Amino acid sequence: MILLGQDVAADWLLIDEKLARRVAGVMGFQVKGTLGVLVIAYRTGLISRAEVLDATKTLAMSSVRLSQKLLEWFEAQLT
């Protein structure tokens, strides 16, 4: 993903994994995670609060790990 970002001169990368986010940041990329993209979609009116919360529940039931601290940050962004 990071190499592709370099090849296409991406403005930002969508990465959730902590180590990859750090590497991308050191390489000068802005990084957004899945929850960050959901916040942007909500704030711009692309999806409703209920849809954002449903997506988060789906993520939590998948193999994606969401820490309590991250969930608290996320919920604060929706107010």
PDB file of N, CA and C in Angstrom:
ATOM      1  N   MET A   1       0.825  -1.188   0.000  1.00  0.00           N
ATOM      2  CA  MET A   1       0.000   0.000   0.000  1.00  0.00           C
ATOM      3  C   MET A   1       0.867   1.249   0.000  1.00  0.00           C
ATOM      4  N   ILE A   2       1.904   1.251   0.821  1.00  0.00           N
ATOM      5  CA  ILE A   2       2.764   2.429   0.908  1.00  0.00           C
ATOM      6  C   ILE A   2       3.503   2.637  -0.409  1.00  0.00           C
ATOM      7  N   LEU A   3       3.989   1.561  -1.000  1.00  0.00           N
ATOM      8  CA  LEU A   3       4.693   1.678  -2.286  1.00  0.00           C
ATOM      9  C   LEU A   3       3.759   2.196  -3.370  1.00  0.00           C
ATOM     10  N   LEU A   4       2.523   1.718  -3.364  1.00  0.00           N
ATOM     11  CA  LEU A   4       1.546   2.214  -4.328  1.00  0.00           C
ATOM     12  C   LEU A   4       1.306   3.703  -4.105  1.00  0.00           C
ATOM     13  N   GLY A   5       1.217   4.108  -2.852  1.00  0.00           N
ATOM     14  CA  GLY A   5       1.054   5.523  -2.527  1.00  0.00           C
ATOM     15  C   GLY A   5       2.185   6.366  -3.081  1.00  0.00           C
ATOM     16  N   GLN A   6       3.401   5.832  -2.995  1.00  0.00           N
ATOM     17  CA  GLN A   6       4.542   6.543  -3.573  1.00  0.00           C
ATOM     18  C   GLN A   6       4.415   6.623  -5.088  1.00  0.00           C
ATOM     19  N   ASP A   7       4.053   5.511  -5.707  1.00  0.00           N
ATOM     20  CA  ASP A   7       3.961   5.461  -7.171  1.00  0.00           C
ATOM     21  C   ASP A   7       2.947   6.448  -7.735  1.00  0.00           C
ATOM     22  N   VAL A   8       1.834   6.615  -7.047  1.00  0.00           N
ATOM     23  CA  VAL A   8       0.778   7.483  -7.567  1.00  0.00           C
ATOM     24  C   VAL A   8       0.782   8.868  -6.903  1.00  0.00           C
ATOM     25  N   ALA A   9       1.784   9.118  -6.056  1.00  0.00           N
ATOM     26  CA  ALA A   9       1.885  10.394  -5.338  1.00  0.00           C
ATOM     27  C   ALA A   9       0.582  10.723  -4.597  1.00  0.00           C
ATOM     28  N   ALA A  10       0.119   9.772  -3.796  1.00  0.00           N
ATOM     29  CA  ALA A  10      -1.142   9.917  -3.065  1.00  0.00           C
ATOM     30  C   ALA A  10      -1.075  11.050  -2.043  1.00  0.00           C
ATOM     31  N   ASP A  11      -2.207  11.714  -1.842  1.00  0.00           N
ATOM     32  CA  ASP A  11      -2.304  12.751  -0.816  1.00  0.00           C
ATOM     33  C   ASP A  11      -2.326  12.136   0.579  1.00  0.00           C
ATOM     34  N   TRP A  12      -2.986  10.990   0.702  1.00  0.00           N
ATOM     35  CA  TRP A  12      -3.048  10.282   1.972  1.00  0.00           C
ATOM     36  C   TRP A  12      -3.290   8.802   1.719  1.00  0.00           C
ATOM     37  N   LEU A  13      -3.032   7.991   2.752  1.00  0.00           N
ATOM     38  CA  LEU A  13      -3.199   6.542   2.647  1.00  0.00           C
ATOM     39  C   LEU A  13      -4.218   6.059   3.673  1.00  0.00           C
ATOM     40  N   LEU A  14      -4.965   5.045   3.313  1.00  0.00           N
ATOM     41  CA  LEU A  14      -5.914   4.403   4.215  1.00  0.00           C
ATOM     42  C   LEU A  14      -5.232   3.176   4.797  1.00  0.00           C
ATOM     43  N   ILE A  15      -4.831   3.283   6.060  1.00  0.00           N
ATOM     44  CA  ILE A  15      -4.125   2.195   6.743  1.00  0.00           C
ATOM     45  C   ILE A  15      -4.626   2.122   8.180  1.00  0.00           C
ATOM     46  N   ASP A  16      -4.948   0.921   8.638  1.00  0.00           N
ATOM     47  CA  ASP A  16      -5.380   0.736  10.020  1.00  0.00           C
ATOM     48  C   ASP A  16      -4.284   0.162  10.910  1.00  0.00           C
ATOM     49  N   GLU A  17      -3.385  -0.605  10.355  1.00  0.00           N
ATOM     50  CA  GLU A  17      -2.366  -1.305  11.142  1.00  0.00           C
ATOM     51  C   GLU A  17      -1.352  -0.310  11.704  1.00  0.00           C
ATOM     52  N   LYS A  18      -1.093  -0.399  13.011  1.00  0.00           N
ATOM     53  CA  LYS A  18      -0.310   0.599  13.724  1.00  0.00           C
ATOM     54  C   LYS A  18       1.111   0.773  13.167  1.00  0.00           C
ATOM     55  N   LEU A  19       1.841  -0.306  12.947  1.00  0.00           N
ATOM     56  CA  LEU A  19       3.211  -0.205  12.457  1.00  0.00           C
ATOM     57  C   LEU A  19       3.245   0.420  11.058  1.00  0.00           C
ATOM     58  N   ALA A  20       2.342  -0.005  10.190  1.00  0.00           N
ATOM     59  CA  ALA A  20       2.297   0.547   8.832  1.00  0.00           C
ATOM     60  C   ALA A  20       1.949   2.034   8.860  1.00  0.00           C
ATOM     61  N   ARG A  21       1.104   2.439   9.782  1.00  0.00           N
ATOM     62  CA  ARG A  21       0.762   3.861   9.917  1.00  0.00           C
ATOM     63  C   ARG A  21       2.003   4.663  10.294  1.00  0.00           C
ATOM     64  N   ARG A  22       2.807   4.109  11.220  1.00  0.00           N
ATOM     65  CA  ARG A  22       4.032   4.785  11.638  1.00  0.00           C
ATOM     66  C   ARG A  22       5.019   4.914  10.485  1.00  0.00           C
ATOM     67  N   VAL A  23       5.198   3.826   9.749  1.00  0.00           N
ATOM     68  CA  VAL A  23       6.123   3.835   8.615  1.00  0.00           C
ATOM     69  C   VAL A  23       5.666   4.861   7.575  1.00  0.00           C
ATOM     70  N   ALA A  24       4.383   4.847   7.259  1.00  0.00           N
ATOM     71  CA  ALA A  24       3.851   5.795   6.275  1.00  0.00           C
ATOM     72  C   ALA A  24       4.044   7.234   6.748  1.00  0.00           C
ATOM     73  N   GLY A  25       3.842   7.470   8.028  1.00  0.00           N
ATOM     74  CA  GLY A  25       4.039   8.812   8.577  1.00  0.00           C
ATOM     75  C   GLY A  25       5.487   9.270   8.467  1.00  0.00           C
ATOM     76  N   VAL A  26       6.407   8.366   8.768  1.00  0.00           N
ATOM     77  CA  VAL A  26       7.826   8.691   8.648  1.00  0.00           C
ATOM     78  C   VAL A  26       8.179   8.994   7.196  1.00  0.00           C
ATOM     79  N   MET A  27       7.492   8.342   6.268  1.00  0.00           N
ATOM     80  CA  MET A  27       7.752   8.564   4.844  1.00  0.00           C
ATOM     81  C   MET A  27       7.064   9.829   4.324  1.00  0.00           C
ATOM     82  N   GLY A  28       6.340  10.518   5.211  1.00  0.00           N
ATOM     83  CA  GLY A  28       5.744  11.798   4.844  1.00  0.00           C
ATOM     84  C   GLY A  28       4.295  11.749   4.402  1.00  0.00           C
ATOM     85  N   PHE A  29       3.669  10.587   4.512  1.00  0.00           N
ATOM     86  CA  PHE A  29       2.266  10.475   4.121  1.00  0.00           C
ATOM     87  C   PHE A  29       1.345  10.885   5.249  1.00  0.00           C
ATOM     88  N   GLN A  30       0.226  11.477   4.905  1.00  0.00           N
ATOM     89  CA  GLN A  30      -0.868  11.629   5.854  1.00  0.00           C
ATOM     90  C   GLN A  30      -1.617  10.300   5.822  1.00  0.00           C
ATOM     91  N   VAL A  31      -2.056   9.847   6.973  1.00  0.00           N
ATOM     92  CA  VAL A  31      -2.699   8.541   7.072  1.00  0.00           C
ATOM     93  C   VAL A  31      -4.069   8.694   7.701  1.00  0.00           C
ATOM     94  N   LYS A  32      -5.025   7.997   7.161  1.00  0.00           N
ATOM     95  CA  LYS A  32      -6.363   7.926   7.740  1.00  0.00           C
ATOM     96  C   LYS A  32      -6.691   6.450   7.938  1.00  0.00           C
ATOM     97  N   GLY A  33      -7.424   6.174   8.999  1.00  0.00           N
ATOM     98  CA  GLY A  33      -7.893   4.820   9.251  1.00  0.00           C
ATOM     99  C   GLY A  33      -9.352   4.699   8.858  1.00  0.00           C
ATOM    100  N   THR A  34      -9.867   3.504   8.972  1.00  0.00           N
ATOM    101  CA  THR A  34     -11.262   3.242   8.606  1.00  0.00           C
ATOM    102  C   THR A  34     -12.215   4.138   9.391  1.00  0.00           C
ATOM    103  N   LEU A  35     -11.994   4.257  10.697  1.00  0.00           N
ATOM    104  CA  LEU A  35     -12.891   5.098  11.497  1.00  0.00           C
ATOM    105  C   LEU A  35     -12.769   6.568  11.112  1.00  0.00           C
ATOM    106  N   GLY A  36     -11.580   7.003  10.757  1.00  0.00           N
ATOM    107  CA  GLY A  36     -11.398   8.379  10.302  1.00  0.00           C
ATOM    108  C   GLY A  36     -12.170   8.663   9.027  1.00  0.00           C
ATOM    109  N   VAL A  37     -12.184   7.702   8.125  1.00  0.00           N
ATOM    110  CA  VAL A  37     -12.943   7.855   6.882  1.00  0.00           C
ATOM    111  C   VAL A  37     -14.444   7.894   7.193  1.00  0.00           C
ATOM    112  N   LEU A  38     -14.886   7.076   8.137  1.00  0.00           N
ATOM    113  CA  LEU A  38     -16.305   7.099   8.522  1.00  0.00           C
ATOM    114  C   LEU A  38     -16.691   8.450   9.122  1.00  0.00           C
ATOM    115  N   VAL A  39     -15.800   9.032   9.925  1.00  0.00           N
ATOM    116  CA  VAL A  39     -16.066  10.353  10.509  1.00  0.00           C
ATOM    117  C   VAL A  39     -16.206  11.390   9.400  1.00  0.00           C
ATOM    118  N   ILE A  40     -15.310  11.353   8.433  1.00  0.00           N
ATOM    119  CA  ILE A  40     -15.382  12.303   7.312  1.00  0.00           C
ATOM    120  C   ILE A  40     -16.679  12.123   6.535  1.00  0.00           C
ATOM    121  N   ALA A  41     -17.049  10.878   6.281  1.00  0.00           N
ATOM    122  CA  ALA A  41     -18.295  10.608   5.551  1.00  0.00           C
ATOM    123  C   ALA A  41     -19.501  11.131   6.321  1.00  0.00           C
ATOM    124  N   TYR A  42     -19.496  10.971   7.644  1.00  0.00           N
ATOM    125  CA  TYR A  42     -20.586  11.471   8.474  1.00  0.00           C
ATOM    126  C   TYR A  42     -20.631  13.002   8.456  1.00  0.00           C
ATOM    127  N   ARG A  43     -19.484  13.619   8.666  1.00  0.00           N
ATOM    128  CA  ARG A  43     -19.426  15.092   8.736  1.00  0.00           C
ATOM    129  C   ARG A  43     -19.803  15.758   7.417  1.00  0.00           C
ATOM    130  N   THR A  44     -19.557  15.086   6.319  1.00  0.00           N
ATOM    131  CA  THR A  44     -19.901  15.669   5.018  1.00  0.00           C
ATOM    132  C   THR A  44     -21.299  15.276   4.567  1.00  0.00           C
ATOM    133  N   GLY A  45     -22.024  14.527   5.396  1.00  0.00           N
ATOM    134  CA  GLY A  45     -23.401  14.168   5.096  1.00  0.00           C
ATOM    135  C   GLY A  45     -23.566  13.010   4.131  1.00  0.00           C
ATOM    136  N   LEU A  46     -22.491  12.264   3.886  1.00  0.00           N
ATOM    137  CA  LEU A  46     -22.602  11.114   2.985  1.00  0.00           C
ATOM    138  C   LEU A  46     -23.331   9.944   3.629  1.00  0.00           C
ATOM    139  N   ILE A  47     -23.186   9.819   4.959  1.00  0.00           N
ATOM    140  CA  ILE A  47     -23.888   8.759   5.683  1.00  0.00           C
ATOM    141  C   ILE A  47     -24.417   9.323   6.999  1.00  0.00           C
ATOM    142  N   SER A  48     -25.448   8.690   7.507  1.00  0.00           N
ATOM    143  CA  SER A  48     -26.078   9.151   8.748  1.00  0.00           C
ATOM    144  C   SER A  48     -25.332   8.601   9.971  1.00  0.00           C
ATOM    145  N   ARG A  49     -25.657   9.167  11.125  1.00  0.00           N
ATOM    146  CA  ARG A  49     -25.067   8.687  12.380  1.00  0.00           C
ATOM    147  C   ARG A  49     -25.397   7.216  12.587  1.00  0.00           C
ATOM    148  N   ALA A  50     -26.620   6.830  12.310  1.00  0.00           N
ATOM    149  CA  ALA A  50     -27.030   5.426  12.479  1.00  0.00           C
ATOM    150  C   ALA A  50     -26.213   4.510  11.561  1.00  0.00           C
ATOM    151  N   GLU A  51     -25.971   4.957  10.335  1.00  0.00           N
ATOM    152  CA  GLU A  51     -25.174   4.154   9.398  1.00  0.00           C
ATOM    153  C   GLU A  51     -23.725   4.034   9.862  1.00  0.00           C
ATOM    154  N   VAL A  52     -23.198   5.120  10.417  1.00  0.00           N
ATOM    155  CA  VAL A  52     -21.830   5.092  10.946  1.00  0.00           C
ATOM    156  C   VAL A  52     -21.747   4.101  12.105  1.00  0.00           C
ATOM    157  N   LEU A  53     -22.710   4.160  13.008  1.00  0.00           N
ATOM    158  CA  LEU A  53     -22.695   3.251  14.157  1.00  0.00           C
ATOM    159  C   LEU A  53     -22.880   1.801  13.721  1.00  0.00           C
ATOM    160  N   ASP A  54     -23.725   1.556  12.734  1.00  0.00           N
ATOM    161  CA  ASP A  54     -23.891   0.198  12.194  1.00  0.00           C
ATOM    162  C   ASP A  54     -22.590  -0.313  11.585  1.00  0.00           C
ATOM    163  N   ALA A  55     -21.905   0.546  10.846  1.00  0.00           N
ATOM    164  CA  ALA A  55     -20.628   0.157  10.238  1.00  0.00           C
ATOM    165  C   ALA A  55     -19.605  -0.171  11.316  1.00  0.00           C
ATOM    166  N   THR A  56     -19.610   0.605  12.394  1.00  0.00           N
ATOM    167  CA  THR A  56     -18.677   0.363  13.490  1.00  0.00           C
ATOM    168  C   THR A  56     -18.977  -0.970  14.168  1.00  0.00           C
ATOM    169  N   LYS A  57     -20.243  -1.281  14.364  1.00  0.00           N
ATOM    170  CA  LYS A  57     -20.616  -2.575  14.952  1.00  0.00           C
ATOM    171  C   LYS A  57     -20.166  -3.720  14.060  1.00  0.00           C
ATOM    172  N   THR A  58     -20.333  -3.560  12.758  1.00  0.00           N
ATOM    173  CA  THR A  58     -19.886  -4.581  11.809  1.00  0.00           C
ATOM    174  C   THR A  58     -18.377  -4.771  11.906  1.00  0.00           C
ATOM    175  N   LEU A  59     -17.645  -3.674  11.970  1.00  0.00           N
ATOM    176  CA  LEU A  59     -16.187  -3.763  12.117  1.00  0.00           C
ATOM    177  C   LEU A  59     -15.809  -4.479  13.407  1.00  0.00           C
ATOM    178  N   ALA A  60     -16.477  -4.129  14.498  1.00  0.00           N
ATOM    179  CA  ALA A  60     -16.165  -4.724  15.794  1.00  0.00           C
ATOM    180  C   ALA A  60     -16.412  -6.233  15.796  1.00  0.00           C
ATOM    181  N   MET A  61     -17.359  -6.701  14.995  1.00  0.00           N
ATOM    182  CA  MET A  61     -17.666  -8.136  14.937  1.00  0.00           C
ATOM    183  C   MET A  61     -16.759  -8.873  13.951  1.00  0.00           C
ATOM    184  N   SER A  62     -15.942  -8.130  13.213  1.00  0.00           N
ATOM    185  CA  SER A  62     -15.033  -8.743  12.248  1.00  0.00           C
ATOM    186  C   SER A  62     -13.675  -8.954  12.909  1.00  0.00           C
ATOM    187  N   SER A  63     -12.675  -9.195  12.104  1.00  0.00           N
ATOM    188  CA  SER A  63     -11.325  -9.411  12.639  1.00  0.00           C
ATOM    189  C   SER A  63     -10.616  -8.099  12.979  1.00  0.00           C
ATOM    190  N   VAL A  64     -11.238  -6.960  12.699  1.00  0.00           N
ATOM    191  CA  VAL A  64     -10.640  -5.662  13.013  1.00  0.00           C
ATOM    192  C   VAL A  64     -10.735  -5.427  14.516  1.00  0.00           C
ATOM    193  N   ARG A  65      -9.613  -5.072  15.124  1.00  0.00           N
ATOM    194  CA  ARG A  65      -9.605  -4.799  16.562  1.00  0.00           C
ATOM    195  C   ARG A  65      -9.772  -3.304  16.795  1.00  0.00           C
ATOM    196  N   LEU A  66     -10.727  -2.969  17.636  1.00  0.00           N
ATOM    197  CA  LEU A  66     -10.987  -1.562  17.972  1.00  0.00           C
ATOM    198  C   LEU A  66     -10.816  -1.395  19.472  1.00  0.00           C
ATOM    199  N   SER A  67      -9.825  -0.627  19.880  1.00  0.00           N
ATOM    200  CA  SER A  67      -9.597  -0.418  21.307  1.00  0.00           C
ATOM    201  C   SER A  67     -10.689   0.468  21.889  1.00  0.00           C
ATOM    202  N   GLN A  68     -10.853   0.378  23.188  1.00  0.00           N
ATOM    203  CA  GLN A  68     -11.846   1.216  23.864  1.00  0.00           C
ATOM    204  C   GLN A  68     -11.498   2.695  23.696  1.00  0.00           C
ATOM    205  N   LYS A  69     -10.216   3.004  23.765  1.00  0.00           N
ATOM    206  CA  LYS A  69      -9.763   4.393  23.600  1.00  0.00           C
ATOM    207  C   LYS A  69     -10.123   4.908  22.205  1.00  0.00           C
ATOM    208  N   LEU A  70      -9.916   4.090  21.194  1.00  0.00           N
ATOM    209  CA  LEU A  70     -10.241   4.485  19.823  1.00  0.00           C
ATOM    210  C   LEU A  70     -11.748   4.667  19.657  1.00  0.00           C
ATOM    211  N   LEU A  71     -12.535   3.768  20.234  1.00  0.00           N
ATOM    212  CA  LEU A  71     -13.992   3.886  20.148  1.00  0.00           C
ATOM    213  C   LEU A  71     -14.497   5.146  20.848  1.00  0.00           C
ATOM    214  N   GLU A  72     -13.873   5.485  21.979  1.00  0.00           N
ATOM    215  CA  GLU A  72     -14.265   6.701  22.695  1.00  0.00           C
ATOM    216  C   GLU A  72     -13.950   7.939  21.850  1.00  0.00           C
ATOM    217  N   TRP A  73     -12.758   7.956  21.213  1.00  0.00           N
ATOM    218  CA  TRP A  73     -12.408   9.054  20.316  1.00  0.00           C
ATOM    219  C   TRP A  73     -13.431   9.165  19.185  1.00  0.00           C
ATOM    220  N   PHE A  74     -13.739   8.023  18.604  1.00  0.00           N
ATOM    221  CA  PHE A  74     -14.658   7.968  17.478  1.00  0.00           C
ATOM    222  C   PHE A  74     -16.031   8.526  17.849  1.00  0.00           C
ATOM    223  N   GLU A  75     -16.573   8.068  18.963  1.00  0.00           N
ATOM    224  CA  GLU A  75     -17.897   8.540  19.389  1.00  0.00           C
ATOM    225  C   GLU A  75     -17.889  10.044  19.674  1.00  0.00           C
ATOM    226  N   ALA A  76     -16.775  10.552  20.217  1.00  0.00           N
ATOM    227  CA  ALA A  76     -16.678  11.996  20.486  1.00  0.00           C
ATOM    228  C   ALA A  76     -16.687  12.788  19.177  1.00  0.00           C
ATOM    229  N   GLN A  77     -16.187  12.212  18.104  1.00  0.00           N
ATOM    230  CA  GLN A  77     -16.159  12.900  16.813  1.00  0.00           C
ATOM    231  C   GLN A  77     -17.547  13.015  16.186  1.00  0.00           C
ATOM    232  N   LEU A  78     -18.480  12.197  16.636  1.00  0.00           N
ATOM    233  CA  LEU A  78     -19.824  12.182  16.053  1.00  0.00           C
ATOM    234  C   LEU A  78     -20.781  13.152  16.733  1.00  0.00           C
ATOM    235  N   THR A  79     -20.314  13.884  17.731  1.00  0.00           N
ATOM    236  CA  THR A  79     -21.212  14.811  18.425  1.00  0.00           C
ATOM    237  C   THR A  79     -21.094  16.208  17.885  1.00  0.00           C
TER     238      THR A  79
END
